[in-house]
Protein backbone atom coordinates (compact mmCIF):
# COMPACT_ATOMS: atom_id res chain seq x y z
CA TRP A 1 -61.39 69.22 227.61
CA PHE A 2 -59.66 72.66 226.40
CA PHE A 3 -61.99 72.37 223.24
CA GLU A 4 -65.06 71.26 224.83
CA PHE A 5 -64.31 74.22 227.25
CA LEU A 6 -63.71 76.85 224.70
CA THR A 7 -67.08 75.45 222.47
CA ASP A 8 -69.29 74.04 224.85
CA GLU A 9 -68.95 76.21 227.88
CA ILE A 10 -67.41 79.66 226.54
CA GLY A 11 -69.61 79.21 223.58
CA LEU A 12 -66.82 80.01 221.06
CA ASP A 13 -67.75 79.41 217.67
CA PRO A 14 -65.36 75.91 216.68
CA THR A 15 -65.14 77.41 213.03
CA LYS A 16 -63.20 80.23 214.46
CA LEU A 17 -60.30 78.01 216.23
CA TYR A 18 -57.33 76.83 214.47
CA VAL A 19 -54.48 75.08 215.94
CA THR A 20 -50.66 74.25 215.44
CA VAL A 21 -48.75 71.28 215.96
CA PHE A 22 -44.98 70.29 216.06
CA VAL A 23 -43.57 69.55 212.89
CA GLY A 24 -40.58 67.59 213.99
CA ASP A 25 -36.44 68.01 214.29
CA GLU A 26 -34.64 65.33 211.99
CA LYS A 27 -31.13 66.66 213.30
CA ASN A 28 -32.48 65.70 216.96
CA ASN A 29 -34.34 62.55 215.87
CA ILE A 30 -37.61 64.06 217.58
CA PRO A 31 -40.41 63.21 215.31
CA ARG A 32 -43.51 64.98 213.78
CA ASP A 33 -46.33 65.42 216.51
CA THR A 34 -48.78 63.39 214.50
CA GLU A 35 -50.50 62.14 217.72
CA SER A 36 -51.77 65.58 218.69
CA ALA A 37 -52.78 66.36 214.92
CA ALA A 38 -54.73 63.15 215.06
CA ILE A 39 -56.77 64.27 218.35
CA TRP A 40 -57.52 67.71 216.88
CA LYS A 41 -58.80 66.06 213.69
CA ARG A 42 -61.40 64.00 215.90
CA LEU A 43 -62.26 66.94 218.07
CA PHE A 44 -63.21 68.91 215.17
CA ALA A 45 -64.77 66.18 213.15
CA VAL A 46 -67.41 65.94 216.16
CA LYS A 47 -68.25 69.56 215.42
CA GLY A 48 -68.86 68.64 211.69
CA ILE A 49 -65.64 70.24 210.76
CA ASP A 50 -62.85 68.46 208.26
CA ALA A 51 -59.49 70.11 209.72
CA GLN A 52 -57.53 69.65 206.77
CA GLU A 53 -53.33 69.60 207.89
CA VAL A 54 -51.06 71.98 206.63
CA VAL A 55 -47.03 71.88 206.93
CA ILE A 56 -45.97 75.36 207.40
CA GLY A 57 -42.38 75.04 208.89
CA SER A 58 -40.98 78.41 210.04
CA GLU A 59 -42.50 81.54 210.65
CA ALA A 60 -41.24 83.15 207.65
CA ASP A 61 -42.44 79.95 205.68
CA GLY A 62 -45.98 80.90 206.95
CA TYR A 63 -45.78 84.33 205.35
CA ARG A 64 -44.59 82.53 201.94
CA LYS A 65 -46.91 79.67 201.95
CA GLY A 66 -49.94 81.12 203.11
CA MET A 67 -52.79 78.77 205.22
CA GLY A 68 -54.33 77.25 202.22
CA SER A 69 -57.75 75.31 203.48
CA GLY A 70 -55.81 74.25 206.94
CA ARG A 71 -56.84 74.09 209.98
CA ILE A 72 -54.30 72.39 211.81
CA PHE A 73 -50.84 73.32 210.76
CA TYR A 74 -47.10 72.27 211.84
CA TYR A 75 -44.50 74.63 212.72
CA ASP A 76 -40.96 74.27 213.76
CA ALA A 77 -39.16 74.41 217.41
CA LYS A 78 -39.16 78.46 217.50
CA LYS A 79 -43.07 78.03 217.68
CA ASN A 80 -43.90 74.70 218.69
CA TRP A 81 -41.41 73.68 221.27
CA TRP A 82 -40.97 74.69 224.84
CA SER A 83 -38.23 74.29 227.08
CA ARG A 84 -36.64 76.89 229.63
CA ALA A 85 -33.56 77.31 227.06
CA GLY A 86 -35.59 77.67 224.10
CA VAL A 87 -34.81 75.40 221.20
CA PRO A 88 -33.55 72.15 221.02
CA GLU A 89 -30.04 73.17 220.34
CA ASN A 90 -29.86 75.69 222.97
CA MET A 91 -30.99 73.25 225.95
CA PRO A 92 -28.34 72.02 228.33
CA ALA A 93 -27.79 68.18 229.32
CA GLY A 94 -30.32 67.72 231.81
CA GLU A 95 -33.10 70.16 230.86
CA PRO A 96 -36.54 68.60 230.06
CA GLY A 97 -38.79 69.85 227.45
CA GLY A 98 -41.21 69.11 224.68
CA PRO A 99 -43.29 70.02 221.74
CA ASP A 100 -46.44 72.24 222.22
CA SER A 101 -49.81 72.47 220.67
CA GLU A 102 -51.45 76.00 220.70
CA VAL A 103 -55.27 77.09 220.00
CA PHE A 104 -55.44 80.44 217.95
CA TYR A 105 -59.02 82.34 217.40
CA ASP A 106 -59.66 83.98 214.09
CA PHE A 107 -61.27 87.49 214.32
CA GLY A 108 -61.72 87.59 210.76
CA LEU A 109 -60.23 90.55 210.61
CA PRO A 110 -58.44 91.57 207.05
CA HIS A 111 -54.54 90.70 206.23
CA ASP A 112 -52.02 93.52 206.52
CA SER A 113 -49.46 92.98 204.42
CA LYS A 114 -46.86 95.05 205.90
CA PHE A 115 -46.30 91.75 207.97
CA GLY A 116 -45.99 89.51 205.08
CA LEU A 117 -47.49 88.27 202.12
CA GLU A 118 -49.61 85.89 203.12
CA CYS A 119 -51.50 85.85 206.61
CA HIS A 120 -51.21 82.39 208.67
CA PRO A 121 -52.22 81.74 212.43
CA ASN A 122 -48.88 83.03 213.84
CA CYS A 123 -48.99 86.39 211.88
CA ASP A 124 -48.77 89.24 213.69
CA CYS A 125 -51.48 91.21 211.63
CA GLY A 126 -54.40 90.87 214.16
CA ARG A 127 -56.47 88.37 212.61
CA PHE A 128 -55.22 85.61 215.05
CA LEU A 129 -54.94 85.67 218.66
CA GLU A 130 -53.22 82.60 220.82
CA ILE A 131 -55.93 81.73 223.59
CA GLY A 132 -54.14 78.79 224.91
CA ASN A 133 -51.29 75.99 224.65
CA SER A 134 -50.46 72.60 225.88
CA VAL A 135 -46.95 71.63 226.61
CA PHE A 136 -46.07 68.09 226.27
CA MET A 137 -42.91 67.50 228.61
CA GLN A 138 -42.12 64.01 227.55
CA TYR A 139 -38.10 65.07 226.35
CA ILE A 140 -34.84 65.23 228.61
CA LYS A 141 -31.66 66.16 226.86
CA LYS A 142 -28.77 63.75 227.51
CA GLU A 143 -25.27 64.55 228.04
CA ASP A 144 -24.17 63.54 224.44
CA GLY A 145 -26.53 65.60 222.81
CA SER A 146 -29.25 63.19 222.31
CA PHE A 147 -32.92 63.22 223.57
CA ALA A 148 -34.77 60.52 225.50
CA LEU A 149 -38.07 60.13 226.82
CA LEU A 150 -38.75 61.25 230.33
CA PRO A 151 -39.61 58.35 232.84
CA LYS A 152 -42.75 60.24 233.60
CA GLN A 153 -44.14 62.58 231.34
CA ASN A 154 -46.95 65.69 231.77
CA VAL A 155 -49.02 68.17 229.74
CA ASP A 156 -48.27 71.36 230.97
CA PHE A 157 -51.54 73.73 230.15
CA GLY A 158 -51.89 77.21 230.05
CA GLY A 159 -54.48 79.63 228.66
CA GLY A 160 -54.88 83.24 228.93
CA LEU A 161 -58.12 84.71 230.64
CA GLU A 162 -57.99 88.29 229.21
CA ARG A 163 -57.32 86.64 225.83
CA ILE A 164 -60.20 83.92 225.91
CA ALA A 165 -62.56 86.74 227.31
CA ALA A 166 -61.54 88.81 223.88
CA ALA A 167 -62.40 86.05 222.22
CA SER A 168 -65.81 85.57 223.42
CA GLU A 169 -66.26 89.10 222.83
CA GLY A 170 -65.46 89.05 219.32
CA ASN A 171 -62.93 91.78 220.29
CA SER A 172 -59.33 91.17 219.34
CA ASP A 173 -57.88 94.28 221.55
CA VAL A 174 -57.55 92.45 225.00
CA PHE A 175 -57.08 95.95 226.25
CA SER A 176 -60.93 96.75 225.38
CA ILE A 177 -62.68 94.06 227.24
CA ASP A 178 -64.49 95.08 230.25
CA ALA A 179 -61.46 94.17 232.72
CA PHE A 180 -59.71 97.23 231.16
CA ARG A 181 -62.75 99.20 229.36
CA ASP A 182 -63.51 101.35 232.71
CA ILE A 183 -60.11 102.66 233.21
CA ILE A 184 -59.08 103.34 229.55
CA GLY A 185 -62.55 105.27 229.58
CA LEU A 186 -61.57 107.45 232.40
CA LEU A 187 -58.14 108.07 230.89
CA ILE A 188 -59.95 109.10 227.71
CA HIS A 189 -62.27 111.27 229.11
CA PHE A 190 -59.70 113.06 231.37
CA SER A 191 -57.09 113.36 228.89
CA GLY A 192 -59.11 114.22 225.59
CA LYS A 193 -56.76 112.04 223.74
CA ALA A 194 -58.36 109.31 221.82
CA TYR A 195 -57.33 105.37 222.72
CA ASP A 196 -57.25 104.79 218.81
CA ASP A 197 -54.60 107.55 218.11
CA SER A 198 -51.34 105.31 217.76
CA ARG A 199 -49.16 107.94 219.77
CA TYR A 200 -51.57 107.15 222.83
CA THR A 201 -52.27 103.65 222.34
CA ARG A 202 -49.76 101.96 224.10
CA SER A 203 -49.61 104.82 227.16
CA PHE A 204 -53.64 103.78 227.63
CA ARG A 205 -52.74 100.17 227.81
CA ILE A 206 -49.74 100.73 230.13
CA ILE A 207 -51.46 102.72 232.48
CA ALA A 208 -54.46 100.17 232.50
CA ASP A 209 -52.30 97.10 233.02
CA HIS A 210 -50.11 98.30 235.15
CA VAL A 211 -52.42 99.98 237.80
CA ARG A 212 -54.09 96.89 237.63
CA ALA A 213 -51.35 94.72 238.58
CA ALA A 214 -50.12 97.12 241.40
CA THR A 215 -53.59 97.24 242.88
CA PHE A 216 -53.35 93.50 243.39
CA MET A 217 -49.90 93.61 244.89
CA MET A 218 -50.77 96.33 247.20
CA GLY A 219 -53.77 94.78 248.33
CA ASP A 220 -51.57 91.74 249.17
CA GLY A 221 -49.29 93.76 251.21
CA VAL A 222 -46.28 94.63 248.75
CA THR A 223 -44.77 98.10 249.48
CA PRO A 224 -43.02 100.48 247.10
CA SER A 225 -39.04 99.96 247.73
CA ASN A 226 -35.70 99.71 246.09
CA THR A 227 -35.68 95.79 246.60
CA GLU A 228 -37.27 92.27 245.75
CA ARG A 229 -41.35 92.63 245.07
CA GLY A 230 -41.26 96.35 246.45
CA TYR A 231 -39.23 97.13 243.57
CA VAL A 232 -41.73 95.09 240.85
CA LEU A 233 -44.13 97.47 242.03
CA ARG A 234 -42.41 100.77 242.46
CA ARG A 235 -41.54 100.23 238.94
CA LEU A 236 -45.09 99.27 237.63
CA ILE A 237 -46.56 102.58 239.39
CA ARG A 238 -43.51 104.91 237.91
CA ARG A 239 -43.92 103.28 234.38
CA ALA A 240 -47.78 104.16 234.79
CA ALA A 241 -47.19 107.82 236.04
CA GLN A 242 -44.70 108.18 232.87
CA HIS A 243 -46.99 107.13 230.53
CA ALA A 244 -49.65 109.49 232.57
CA MET A 245 -47.83 112.36 231.60
CA LYS A 246 -47.48 111.65 227.96
CA LEU A 247 -51.59 111.71 228.37
CA SER A 248 -50.97 114.84 230.12
CA VAL A 249 -53.03 113.62 233.33
CA GLY A 250 -50.39 113.96 235.64
CA ASP A 251 -51.78 115.64 238.59
CA LYS A 252 -50.80 117.97 241.95
CA ASP A 253 -53.56 116.98 243.87
CA LYS A 254 -54.58 113.18 245.27
CA GLY A 255 -57.96 113.56 244.20
CA ASP A 256 -57.60 114.52 240.83
CA SER A 257 -55.09 111.83 240.26
CA MET A 258 -55.75 109.47 237.50
CA LEU A 259 -53.35 106.80 238.94
CA VAL A 260 -55.68 107.02 242.14
CA ARG A 261 -58.77 106.89 240.46
CA ALA A 262 -57.57 103.98 238.23
CA ALA A 263 -56.37 101.97 241.27
CA ILE A 264 -59.99 102.97 243.05
CA MET A 265 -62.01 101.39 239.97
CA THR A 266 -60.04 98.31 240.21
CA ILE A 267 -60.91 98.11 243.57
CA GLU A 268 -64.65 98.61 243.25
CA LYS A 269 -64.55 96.38 240.39
CA TYR A 270 -63.01 93.20 242.09
CA LYS A 271 -63.51 93.88 245.63
CA ASP A 272 -66.46 91.40 246.07
CA SER A 273 -64.40 88.71 244.58
CA TYR A 274 -60.83 89.47 246.34
CA GLN A 275 -60.93 89.94 250.23
CA GLU A 276 -57.93 91.66 250.26
CA LEU A 277 -59.56 94.94 248.47
CA GLU A 278 -62.18 94.86 250.68
CA GLY A 279 -62.43 97.59 253.73
CA GLU A 280 -61.44 100.85 254.44
CA GLU A 281 -58.16 100.23 255.59
CA ALA A 282 -57.11 98.36 252.05
CA TYR A 283 -58.82 101.51 250.32
CA ARG A 284 -56.66 104.22 252.35
CA THR A 285 -53.53 101.99 252.21
CA ILE A 286 -53.48 101.47 248.43
CA THR A 287 -54.60 105.25 247.04
CA ASP A 288 -52.14 106.49 249.71
CA MET A 289 -49.35 104.13 248.50
CA VAL A 290 -50.21 105.00 244.75
CA TRP A 291 -50.51 108.82 245.59
CA ASN A 292 -46.99 108.67 247.46
CA GLU A 293 -45.46 107.26 244.90
CA GLU A 294 -46.82 109.53 241.94
CA LYS A 295 -45.08 112.56 243.80
CA GLN A 296 -42.11 111.09 244.73
CA PHE A 297 -41.73 109.95 241.08
CA ALA A 298 -42.43 113.60 240.02
CA HIS A 299 -39.51 114.82 242.20
CA THR A 300 -37.22 112.27 241.05
CA LEU A 301 -38.25 113.25 237.29
CA ASP A 302 -37.17 116.91 238.16
CA ARG A 303 -33.83 116.08 239.66
CA GLY A 304 -33.16 113.52 237.06
CA MET A 305 -34.34 115.87 233.91
CA ARG A 306 -31.27 118.43 235.22
CA GLU A 307 -29.00 115.57 235.21
CA PHE A 308 -30.26 114.52 232.18
CA GLU A 309 -29.40 117.57 230.34
CA ARG A 310 -25.95 118.01 231.82
CA VAL A 311 -24.97 114.72 230.33
CA ALA A 312 -26.65 115.23 226.91
CA ALA A 313 -24.96 118.52 226.28
CA THR A 314 -22.01 116.52 225.68
CA GLY A 315 -23.94 114.81 222.49
CA HIS A 316 -23.56 111.38 223.41
CA ILE A 317 -24.39 109.20 226.47
CA ASP A 318 -22.45 106.11 227.23
CA ALA A 319 -23.42 102.96 229.01
CA SER A 320 -22.17 104.37 232.60
CA GLU A 321 -23.79 107.74 232.23
CA ALA A 322 -27.07 106.06 231.17
CA TYR A 323 -26.78 103.50 233.80
CA THR A 324 -26.03 106.23 236.76
CA LEU A 325 -29.33 107.96 235.41
CA PHE A 326 -31.35 105.35 235.96
CA THR A 327 -29.79 103.89 239.29
CA THR A 328 -28.70 106.72 241.27
CA HIS A 329 -31.29 109.58 239.55
CA GLY A 330 -33.93 107.01 238.99
CA PHE A 331 -34.56 108.39 235.81
CA PRO A 332 -36.70 105.54 233.51
CA PHE A 333 -34.09 104.35 230.67
CA GLU A 334 -37.27 104.13 228.59
CA MET A 335 -37.47 108.12 229.01
CA THR A 336 -33.60 108.41 228.43
CA LEU A 337 -33.81 106.53 225.16
CA GLU A 338 -36.96 108.73 223.95
CA LEU A 339 -35.48 111.97 224.79
CA ALA A 340 -32.07 110.91 223.23
CA GLU A 341 -33.87 110.14 220.27
CA GLU A 342 -35.86 113.38 220.08
CA ARG A 343 -32.33 115.08 220.23
CA ASN A 344 -30.35 112.73 217.81
CA ILE A 345 -28.13 112.20 220.30
CA ASP A 346 -26.08 108.71 220.25
CA ILE A 347 -26.94 106.30 223.03
CA ASP A 348 -24.96 103.20 224.25
CA GLU A 349 -28.31 101.06 224.59
CA GLU A 350 -26.40 97.52 224.71
CA GLY A 351 -23.79 98.91 227.42
CA PHE A 352 -26.19 99.73 229.30
CA LYS A 353 -28.00 96.32 229.38
CA ARG A 354 -24.67 94.46 230.43
CA GLU A 355 -24.23 97.45 233.32
CA MET A 356 -27.73 96.03 234.29
CA LYS A 357 -27.33 92.69 234.01
CA LYS A 358 -23.61 92.72 235.75
CA HIS A 359 -25.97 94.67 238.88
CA GLN A 360 -28.58 91.90 238.55
CA ASP A 361 -26.10 89.10 239.09
CA ILE A 362 -24.46 90.88 242.07
CA SER A 363 -27.81 91.49 243.64
CA ARG A 364 -28.70 87.90 242.93
CA ALA A 365 -25.38 86.43 244.31
CA GLY A 366 -26.30 88.89 247.36
CA SER A 367 -29.99 87.71 247.97
CA GLU A 368 -28.60 84.01 248.07
CA GLN A 369 -26.80 84.48 251.11
CA LYS A 370 -29.77 85.94 253.63
CA PHE A 371 -30.99 84.03 256.04
CA LYS A 372 -34.60 82.81 255.70
CA GLY A 373 -37.05 84.44 257.85
CA GLY A 374 -35.10 87.48 258.64
CA LEU A 375 -32.91 85.91 260.77
CA ALA A 376 -29.23 87.53 260.88
CA ASP A 377 -28.41 84.39 262.65
CA THR A 378 -29.39 81.29 264.82
CA SER A 379 -27.46 82.47 267.79
CA GLU A 380 -29.74 82.04 271.29
CA LYS A 381 -30.35 85.59 271.68
CA THR A 382 -31.49 85.79 268.08
CA THR A 383 -33.87 82.75 268.87
CA ARG A 384 -35.12 84.40 271.83
CA LEU A 385 -36.26 87.73 269.87
CA HIS A 386 -37.33 85.08 267.30
CA THR A 387 -39.90 83.87 269.32
CA ALA A 388 -40.62 87.36 270.95
CA HIS A 389 -41.55 88.29 267.32
CA HIS A 390 -44.24 85.81 267.06
CA LEU A 391 -45.67 87.39 270.62
CA LEU A 392 -45.64 90.72 269.01
CA LEU A 393 -47.25 89.86 265.71
CA LYS A 394 -49.90 88.59 267.53
CA ALA A 395 -50.22 91.27 270.05
CA LEU A 396 -50.57 93.81 267.24
CA GLN A 397 -53.38 92.16 266.21
CA ILE A 398 -55.23 91.74 269.21
CA VAL A 399 -54.85 95.33 269.96
CA LEU A 400 -54.94 97.14 266.40
CA GLY A 401 -57.20 94.62 264.71
CA GLU A 402 -56.90 91.63 262.32
CA HIS A 403 -55.68 93.42 259.32
CA VAL A 404 -52.49 93.28 260.90
CA LYS A 405 -49.79 91.59 258.71
CA GLN A 406 -46.26 90.96 258.96
CA ARG A 407 -44.67 92.72 255.82
CA GLY A 408 -41.18 92.18 256.69
CA SER A 409 -39.09 91.45 259.55
CA ASN A 410 -35.04 91.46 260.62
CA ILE A 411 -34.00 89.88 263.77
CA THR A 412 -30.20 89.98 265.11
CA GLN A 413 -28.93 89.46 268.76
CA GLU A 414 -29.30 92.83 269.96
CA ARG A 415 -32.92 93.65 268.60
CA LEU A 416 -35.99 92.70 266.35
CA ARG A 417 -37.75 94.39 263.48
CA ILE A 418 -41.20 93.90 262.34
CA ASP A 419 -42.76 95.95 259.30
CA PHE A 420 -46.41 95.72 259.66
CA SER A 421 -49.63 96.54 257.46
CA HIS A 422 -51.57 99.38 259.48
CA GLY A 423 -52.60 103.05 258.49
CA GLU A 424 -52.18 105.17 261.43
CA LYS A 425 -49.35 105.89 263.91
CA MET A 426 -49.80 103.81 267.15
CA THR A 427 -50.83 105.71 270.32
CA LYS A 428 -48.72 105.42 273.41
CA GLU A 429 -51.93 103.48 275.11
CA GLN A 430 -51.68 101.18 272.09
CA ILE A 431 -47.82 100.57 272.52
CA ALA A 432 -48.29 99.99 275.95
CA GLU A 433 -51.15 97.45 275.62
CA VAL A 434 -49.17 95.42 273.10
CA GLU A 435 -46.03 95.72 275.73
CA ARG A 436 -48.06 94.15 278.21
CA ILE A 437 -49.71 91.46 276.12
CA VAL A 438 -46.06 90.05 275.48
CA ASN A 439 -44.80 90.39 278.64
CA GLU A 440 -47.85 88.73 280.02
CA LYS A 441 -47.21 85.71 277.73
CA ILE A 442 -43.75 85.63 278.47
CA GLN A 443 -44.84 85.43 282.50
CA GLU A 444 -47.08 82.58 281.69
CA ALA A 445 -44.43 80.19 280.60
CA LEU A 446 -46.25 79.05 277.93
CA PRO A 447 -44.90 75.54 275.67
CA VAL A 448 -43.81 76.63 272.07
CA THR A 449 -44.72 74.03 270.04
CA HIS A 450 -43.23 72.59 266.83
CA SER A 451 -45.66 70.59 264.33
CA THR A 452 -45.18 69.55 260.21
CA ILE A 453 -48.80 69.53 259.27
CA LYS A 454 -50.70 69.73 255.57
CA LYS A 455 -50.23 73.22 254.10
CA GLU A 456 -53.96 73.01 253.72
CA ASP A 457 -54.62 72.42 257.76
CA ALA A 458 -52.39 75.19 258.40
CA GLU A 459 -54.13 77.33 256.33
CA ASN A 460 -57.42 76.64 258.16
CA LEU A 461 -55.89 76.70 261.70
CA GLY A 462 -55.58 80.85 260.58
CA ALA A 463 -51.44 80.47 260.68
CA GLN A 464 -49.86 83.71 259.89
CA ARG A 465 -47.67 82.87 257.04
CA GLU A 466 -44.56 85.25 254.81
CA PHE A 467 -46.48 87.36 251.88
CA GLY A 468 -44.88 85.91 248.60
CA ALA A 469 -43.31 82.65 250.38
CA LYS A 470 -44.25 79.67 248.58
CA TYR A 471 -44.85 76.33 250.90
CA PRO A 472 -44.64 72.81 250.05
CA ASP A 473 -47.56 70.12 250.71
CA MET A 474 -46.30 69.53 254.04
CA VAL A 475 -45.01 72.64 256.24
CA SER A 476 -43.37 73.62 259.68
CA VAL A 477 -45.77 75.40 262.10
CA TYR A 478 -44.39 76.99 265.14
CA SER A 479 -47.31 77.47 268.12
CA VAL A 480 -47.08 79.18 271.13
CA GLY A 481 -49.65 77.97 274.10
CA PRO A 482 -51.80 76.68 275.77
CA SER A 483 -50.27 75.56 278.95
CA GLY A 484 -49.87 71.80 278.15
CA ALA A 485 -49.68 71.62 274.61
CA SER A 486 -46.96 69.33 273.34
CA ALA A 487 -45.57 68.13 270.01
CA GLU A 488 -47.60 64.89 270.59
CA ASN A 489 -51.06 67.34 271.16
CA PRO A 490 -50.18 70.72 270.26
CA LYS A 491 -53.54 71.95 271.29
CA PHE A 492 -53.97 74.62 268.14
CA ASP A 493 -57.26 75.23 269.16
CA LYS A 494 -56.44 76.97 272.24
CA ALA A 495 -52.95 78.62 270.87
CA PHE A 496 -52.08 82.07 271.69
CA SER A 497 -50.08 82.34 268.13
CA ILE A 498 -49.58 79.79 265.22
CA GLU A 499 -47.62 80.78 262.24
CA PHE A 500 -45.74 79.14 259.14
CA CYS A 501 -42.18 79.21 260.54
CA GLY A 502 -38.84 77.42 260.15
CA GLY A 503 -37.78 77.97 263.43
CA PRO A 504 -35.59 78.07 265.24
CA HIS A 505 -37.25 79.14 268.57
CA VAL A 506 -36.91 78.60 272.41
CA THR A 507 -39.12 75.74 273.88
CA ASN A 508 -40.87 77.81 276.37
CA THR A 509 -42.00 81.55 276.59
CA SER A 510 -40.10 81.55 279.49
CA ALA A 511 -36.85 81.15 278.17
CA LEU A 512 -37.22 84.67 276.63
CA ASN A 513 -35.52 85.60 280.30
CA GLY A 514 -36.23 89.43 280.21
CA VAL A 515 -38.95 92.14 280.13
CA PHE A 516 -40.17 93.12 276.26
CA LYS A 517 -39.71 96.80 275.32
CA ILE A 518 -40.84 98.50 272.20
CA GLN A 519 -38.08 101.15 271.58
CA LYS A 520 -39.44 102.60 268.37
CA GLU A 521 -42.83 102.86 266.32
CA GLU A 522 -42.68 104.45 262.86
CA ALA A 523 -43.86 104.96 259.43
CA VAL A 524 -42.06 103.05 256.48
CA ALA A 525 -44.29 103.49 253.79
CA ALA A 526 -47.90 104.65 253.09
CA GLY A 527 -49.89 101.98 255.32
CA ILE A 528 -46.85 100.09 256.54
CA ARG A 529 -45.54 101.00 260.09
CA ARG A 530 -42.21 99.28 261.62
CA ILE A 531 -41.44 98.42 265.15
CA LYS A 532 -37.95 98.16 266.49
CA ALA A 533 -38.08 96.24 270.17
CA VAL A 534 -35.79 94.48 272.44
CA LEU A 535 -35.84 92.36 275.62
CA GLN A 536 -34.02 93.99 278.24
């Protein structure tokens, strides 16, 4: 179906399509993938193409042998085998894997011999671009190192949207397609730099890619931070800012910021298709976050540069110094490398990577200790505050608007904390109204009902969910109210609050046994507010 999609739906010229398949592995007794080759021959024949087979072997063999008159090429496991561990020899016992078949588009560019003597589909000269592949998950590695067929086999397909778009436009540069063209045009205009100047091409591409990705993340409610998703977002924005400086488009005013303008372009381009980017609230939140992060990064660089100069004066930067520059001073390691190279200063790059891995291992181990849902424990007091948390989120949406979404939480025996999307400081009147609603629901003694339903049904009910969490087909849902609701008849259509949640909760709001009080409301990031509250 992928071949039909490319040729009949997208309209790609089949004579420009070339495919690769697995050559086999005699050592591990894995046969050559002649089945895929035969299917490809039939598909090409339908288009009047006689698809000849060529055995390449390794990538190095490809540069030596070339393509001949081939259309279907056999490569080794480094190119046409997939498993999490890589080639068959690296796979641990119990890991599944299998051969794959890849589709390449030929842009017809002349071969650049600096990449190798002859061109072939896996050549890096730019003539060919992989636009899709199918992994045949059919093997599992046994304890004795041999391979057996999986009892249930499947095909795992992957296709690159931008790559297919590049092929359909006949443009070998993915960053020149319309998804990125406007942003890069903006950068060219304001920087005065040429995109095809090799000194700046990479910077243009990084800014366009990173700002687009960051904009969608912020639209989904991620905020810059030093942990988890927020850290990924922070790295994206700051790396884009770093390369904006290379293009001399770092700015002192939000209205002139190229990153902000690029984010606005992304919003305008996609808001009709992605409701997360629609509306004044999303516009203000995203642009504020980009600008605030850009300003903070500029201050970080000033401090980090002073520390770099101090360390660089010794003529050598060891692993611990590079690591401290990165983690303590926020100075990008990529920038440390570039500055060190400019000044002919030795730097322990491998040592830095070891330090980073050690830090990541510690962080990963720590994250595995956390309770789900932000609960510190499952004590009675924490459980009561957990239910109050559900009431609070719904009350905030009633008072402030449906744009309010939970962006983080932490619940202990003493207090609850919620981070939520909202662009302005709450007024005293709004805080009082939220408290009134929560306390009203406590006084109404509403039943708290647990149900296990299909994820699709929960989504259709408008159940609130944790951002970024992956849910199974059947999900746990807690609903508050109405009076008379039960597990047998939860009365979702009249419920006050419905959330994806694993619990635990009280069975009735009267069990909260106290008066709900907001102790503090404050900003934690652009477009994100935080409330701390208690039951008195």
